[in-house]
């Protein structure tokens, strides 16, 4: 797809309920997207699809999100692919590890849809660097 047109997102998420919510949000926001439910074969699919962004769960069957992130960052042909990592274990240590491995952002599950939408736009528009230790930033998005 590419260019200034419709952005493509590859969702790698093994939990169906999360994937359904992501499908709803991404469709409503006008993103082209597809899903994988396991880490096995993810690198090959990323190479073939060349998505604008990979929405990547950390805890996956077969290959972890951390491993996939590291493999993508080691591949010069995938340097333009952005990665937003997701995890139910949203500790500061997990966040720092993901960002250190080259993720462009990190979001904790369950996530607020407004927060996820804002993070997708930030990464896809390339407007800012990720927060490396910002619990205040993510807590502010959950107020309500």
C-alpha atoms as a PDB file:
ATOM      1  CA  UNK A   1       0.000   0.000   0.000  1.00  0.00           C
ATOM      2  CA  UNK A   2       2.615   2.529   1.171  1.00  0.00           C
ATOM      3  CA  UNK A   3       3.131   6.201   0.439  1.00  0.00           C
ATOM      4  CA  UNK A   4       0.871   8.828   1.925  1.00  0.00           C
ATOM      5  CA  UNK A   5      -2.199   6.621   1.434  1.00  0.00           C
ATOM      6  CA  UNK A   6      -3.687   4.057   3.763  1.00  0.00           C
ATOM      7  CA  UNK A   7      -1.298   2.762   6.423  1.00  0.00           C
ATOM      8  CA  UNK A   8      -0.905  -0.988   6.876  1.00  0.00           C
ATOM      9  CA  UNK A   9      -0.665  -2.593  10.312  1.00  0.00           C
ATOM     10  CA  UNK A  10       0.252  -6.197  11.091  1.00  0.00           C
ATOM     11  CA  UNK A  11      -1.284  -7.298  14.398  1.00  0.00           C
ATOM     12  CA  UNK A  12       0.522 -10.168  16.127  1.00  0.00           C
ATOM     13  CA  UNK A  13      -1.738 -11.079  19.057  1.00  0.00           C
ATOM     14  CA  UNK A  14      -2.760 -14.512  20.334  1.00  0.00           C
ATOM     15  CA  UNK A  15      -5.754 -13.452  22.453  1.00  0.00           C
ATOM     16  CA  UNK A  16      -8.910 -13.409  20.334  1.00  0.00           C
ATOM     17  CA  UNK A  17     -10.764 -10.883  22.505  1.00  0.00           C
ATOM     18  CA  UNK A  18      -7.918  -8.370  22.191  1.00  0.00           C
ATOM     19  CA  UNK A  19      -7.639  -9.043  18.444  1.00  0.00           C
ATOM     20  CA  UNK A  20     -11.375  -8.376  17.978  1.00  0.00           C
ATOM     21  CA  UNK A  21     -11.085  -5.017  19.758  1.00  0.00           C
ATOM     22  CA  UNK A  22      -8.029  -4.141  17.663  1.00  0.00           C
ATOM     23  CA  UNK A  23      -9.822  -5.141  14.456  1.00  0.00           C
ATOM     24  CA  UNK A  24     -12.698  -2.823  15.367  1.00  0.00           C
ATOM     25  CA  UNK A  25     -10.424   0.112  16.169  1.00  0.00           C
ATOM     26  CA  UNK A  26      -8.123  -0.298  13.170  1.00  0.00           C
ATOM     27  CA  UNK A  27     -11.033  -0.689  10.752  1.00  0.00           C
ATOM     28  CA  UNK A  28     -12.779   2.369  12.183  1.00  0.00           C
ATOM     29  CA  UNK A  29      -9.573   4.398  11.935  1.00  0.00           C
ATOM     30  CA  UNK A  30      -9.149   3.425   8.273  1.00  0.00           C
ATOM     31  CA  UNK A  31      -5.988   1.322   8.603  1.00  0.00           C
ATOM     32  CA  UNK A  32      -5.374  -1.689   6.416  1.00  0.00           C
ATOM     33  CA  UNK A  33      -4.535  -4.602   8.706  1.00  0.00           C
ATOM     34  CA  UNK A  34      -4.139  -8.312   9.096  1.00  0.00           C
ATOM     35  CA  UNK A  35      -3.530 -10.569  12.072  1.00  0.00           C
ATOM     36  CA  UNK A  36      -1.243 -13.386  13.078  1.00  0.00           C
ATOM     37  CA  UNK A  37      -2.002 -15.311  16.279  1.00  0.00           C
ATOM     38  CA  UNK A  38       1.474 -16.730  16.881  1.00  0.00           C
ATOM     39  CA  UNK A  39       5.065 -15.552  16.725  1.00  0.00           C
ATOM     40  CA  UNK A  40       6.059 -18.413  14.429  1.00  0.00           C
ATOM     41  CA  UNK A  41       6.598 -17.123  10.894  1.00  0.00           C
ATOM     42  CA  UNK A  42       6.186 -13.486  11.967  1.00  0.00           C
ATOM     43  CA  UNK A  43       9.506 -12.267  10.580  1.00  0.00           C
ATOM     44  CA  UNK A  44       8.786 -13.817   7.191  1.00  0.00           C
ATOM     45  CA  UNK A  45       5.299 -12.241   7.128  1.00  0.00           C
ATOM     46  CA  UNK A  46       6.717  -8.829   8.087  1.00  0.00           C
ATOM     47  CA  UNK A  47       9.257  -9.103   5.252  1.00  0.00           C
ATOM     48  CA  UNK A  48       6.518 -10.030   2.762  1.00  0.00           C
ATOM     49  CA  UNK A  49       3.946  -7.447   3.890  1.00  0.00           C
ATOM     50  CA  UNK A  50       6.321  -4.562   4.718  1.00  0.00           C
ATOM     51  CA  UNK A  51       3.707  -3.015   7.056  1.00  0.00           C
ATOM     52  CA  UNK A  52       3.967   0.563   8.260  1.00  0.00           C
ATOM     53  CA  UNK A  53       3.588  -0.717  11.828  1.00  0.00           C
ATOM     54  CA  UNK A  54       3.608  -4.017  13.707  1.00  0.00           C
ATOM     55  CA  UNK A  55       1.321  -4.115  16.744  1.00  0.00           C
ATOM     56  CA  UNK A  56       3.206  -6.790  18.649  1.00  0.00           C
ATOM     57  CA  UNK A  57       2.209  -8.722  21.759  1.00  0.00           C
ATOM     58  CA  UNK A  58       5.140  -9.756  23.937  1.00  0.00           C
ATOM     59  CA  UNK A  59       3.775 -13.072  25.219  1.00  0.00           C
ATOM     60  CA  UNK A  60       3.193 -15.169  22.080  1.00  0.00           C
ATOM     61  CA  UNK A  61       3.258 -18.880  21.288  1.00  0.00           C
ATOM     62  CA  UNK A  62       6.427 -20.153  19.553  1.00  0.00           C
ATOM     63  CA  UNK A  63       8.445 -16.899  19.351  1.00  0.00           C
ATOM     64  CA  UNK A  64       8.218 -14.013  21.824  1.00  0.00           C
ATOM     65  CA  UNK A  65       7.495 -10.440  20.808  1.00  0.00           C
ATOM     66  CA  UNK A  66      10.915  -9.444  22.141  1.00  0.00           C
ATOM     67  CA  UNK A  67      12.605 -11.889  19.758  1.00  0.00           C
ATOM     68  CA  UNK A  68      10.515 -10.677  16.816  1.00  0.00           C
ATOM     69  CA  UNK A  69      11.325  -7.039  17.632  1.00  0.00           C
ATOM     70  CA  UNK A  70      15.036  -7.808  17.820  1.00  0.00           C
ATOM     71  CA  UNK A  71      14.955  -9.733  14.519  1.00  0.00           C
ATOM     72  CA  UNK A  72      13.142  -6.891  12.753  1.00  0.00           C
ATOM     73  CA  UNK A  73      15.678  -4.347  14.042  1.00  0.00           C
ATOM     74  CA  UNK A  74      18.588  -6.534  12.878  1.00  0.00           C
ATOM     75  CA  UNK A  75      17.181  -6.671   9.321  1.00  0.00           C
ATOM     76  CA  UNK A  76      18.245  -3.606   7.273  1.00  0.00           C
ATOM     77  CA  UNK A  77      15.396  -4.247   4.836  1.00  0.00           C
ATOM     78  CA  UNK A  78      12.883  -3.609   7.622  1.00  0.00           C
ATOM     79  CA  UNK A  79      14.335  -0.356   8.938  1.00  0.00           C
ATOM     80  CA  UNK A  80      11.167   1.595   8.066  1.00  0.00           C
ATOM     81  CA  UNK A  81       8.834  -0.770   9.954  1.00  0.00           C
ATOM     82  CA  UNK A  82       7.583   0.730  13.229  1.00  0.00           C
ATOM     83  CA  UNK A  83       6.828  -1.488  16.248  1.00  0.00           C
ATOM     84  CA  UNK A  84       4.319  -0.885  19.041  1.00  0.00           C
ATOM     85  CA  UNK A  85       4.631  -3.553  21.720  1.00  0.00           C
ATOM     86  CA  UNK A  86       1.717  -4.643  23.929  1.00  0.00           C
ATOM     87  CA  UNK A  87       1.742  -6.606  27.159  1.00  0.00           C
ATOM     88  CA  UNK A  88      -0.460  -7.404  30.124  1.00  0.00           C
ATOM     89  CA  UNK A  89       2.659  -7.096  32.293  1.00  0.00           C
ATOM     90  CA  UNK A  90       3.164  -3.381  31.873  1.00  0.00           C
ATOM     91  CA  UNK A  91       5.964  -2.841  34.365  1.00  0.00           C
ATOM     92  CA  UNK A  92       8.635  -0.207  33.881  1.00  0.00           C
ATOM     93  CA  UNK A  93      11.169  -3.025  33.387  1.00  0.00           C
ATOM     94  CA  UNK A  94       9.101  -4.537  30.544  1.00  0.00           C
ATOM     95  CA  UNK A  95       8.739  -1.099  28.951  1.00  0.00           C
ATOM     96  CA  UNK A  96      12.466  -0.359  29.134  1.00  0.00           C
ATOM     97  CA  UNK A  97      13.338  -3.790  27.741  1.00  0.00           C
ATOM     98  CA  UNK A  98      10.980  -3.353  24.771  1.00  0.00           C
ATOM     99  CA  UNK A  99      12.247   0.125  23.982  1.00  0.00           C
ATOM    100  CA  UNK A 100      15.865  -1.001  24.389  1.00  0.00           C
ATOM    101  CA  UNK A 101      15.247  -3.752  21.816  1.00  0.00           C
ATOM    102  CA  UNK A 102      14.100  -1.138  19.340  1.00  0.00           C
ATOM    103  CA  UNK A 103      10.346  -0.811  19.828  1.00  0.00           C
ATOM    104  CA  UNK A 104       8.940   2.589  18.882  1.00  0.00           C
ATOM    105  CA  UNK A 105       6.338   2.464  21.627  1.00  0.00           C
ATOM    106  CA  UNK A 106       4.872   0.328  24.363  1.00  0.00           C
ATOM    107  CA  UNK A 107       1.310   0.011  25.636  1.00  0.00           C
ATOM    108  CA  UNK A 108      -0.100  -2.007  28.541  1.00  0.00           C
ATOM    109  CA  UNK A 109      -3.150  -4.237  28.227  1.00  0.00           C
ATOM    110  CA  UNK A 110      -5.946  -3.727  28.882  1.00  0.00           C
ATOM    111  CA  UNK A 111      -5.503  -0.479  27.001  1.00  0.00           C
ATOM    112  CA  UNK A 112      -7.772   2.488  26.638  1.00  0.00           C
ATOM    113  CA  UNK A 113      -8.804   2.804  22.971  1.00  0.00           C
ATOM    114  CA  UNK A 114      -8.123   6.556  22.984  1.00  0.00           C
ATOM    115  CA  UNK A 115      -4.635   5.912  24.342  1.00  0.00           C
ATOM    116  CA  UNK A 116      -3.952   3.260  21.710  1.00  0.00           C
ATOM    117  CA  UNK A 117      -5.290   5.503  18.922  1.00  0.00           C
ATOM    118  CA  UNK A 118      -3.042   8.353  20.082  1.00  0.00           C
ATOM    119  CA  UNK A 119       0.002   6.064  20.284  1.00  0.00           C
ATOM    120  CA  UNK A 120      -0.638   4.669  16.786  1.00  0.00           C
ATOM    121  CA  UNK A 121      -0.883   8.173  15.366  1.00  0.00           C
ATOM    122  CA  UNK A 122       2.250   9.307  17.218  1.00  0.00           C
ATOM    123  CA  UNK A 123       4.304   6.436  15.847  1.00  0.00           C
ATOM    124  CA  UNK A 124       2.907   6.465  12.315  1.00  0.00           C
ATOM    125  CA  UNK A 125       3.247  10.243  12.032  1.00  0.00           C
ATOM    126  CA  UNK A 126       6.731  10.121  13.579  1.00  0.00           C
ATOM    127  CA  UNK A 127       5.962  13.070  15.821  1.00  0.00           C
ATOM    128  CA  UNK A 128       7.835  12.167  18.990  1.00  0.00           C
ATOM    129  CA  UNK A 129      10.195   9.760  20.689  1.00  0.00           C
ATOM    130  CA  UNK A 130       8.697   7.198  23.104  1.00  0.00           C
ATOM    131  CA  UNK A 131       8.648   7.852  26.833  1.00  0.00           C
ATOM    132  CA  UNK A 132      11.361   5.701  28.400  1.00  0.00           C
ATOM    133  CA  UNK A 133      10.156   5.893  31.973  1.00  0.00           C
ATOM    134  CA  UNK A 134       6.823   7.655  31.816  1.00  0.00           C
ATOM    135  CA  UNK A 135       4.325   6.025  34.185  1.00  0.00           C
ATOM    136  CA  UNK A 136       2.742   9.458  34.583  1.00  0.00           C
ATOM    137  CA  UNK A 137       2.138   9.704  30.844  1.00  0.00           C
ATOM    138  CA  UNK A 138       0.318   6.374  30.633  1.00  0.00           C
ATOM    139  CA  UNK A 139      -1.605   6.970  33.872  1.00  0.00           C
ATOM    140  CA  UNK A 140      -2.932  10.285  32.520  1.00  0.00           C
ATOM    141  CA  UNK A 141      -4.478   8.488  29.533  1.00  0.00           C
ATOM    142  CA  UNK A 142      -6.410   6.146  31.831  1.00  0.00           C
ATOM    143  CA  UNK A 143      -8.063   8.811  33.952  1.00  0.00           C
ATOM    144  CA  UNK A 144     -11.800   8.724  33.797  1.00  0.00           C
END
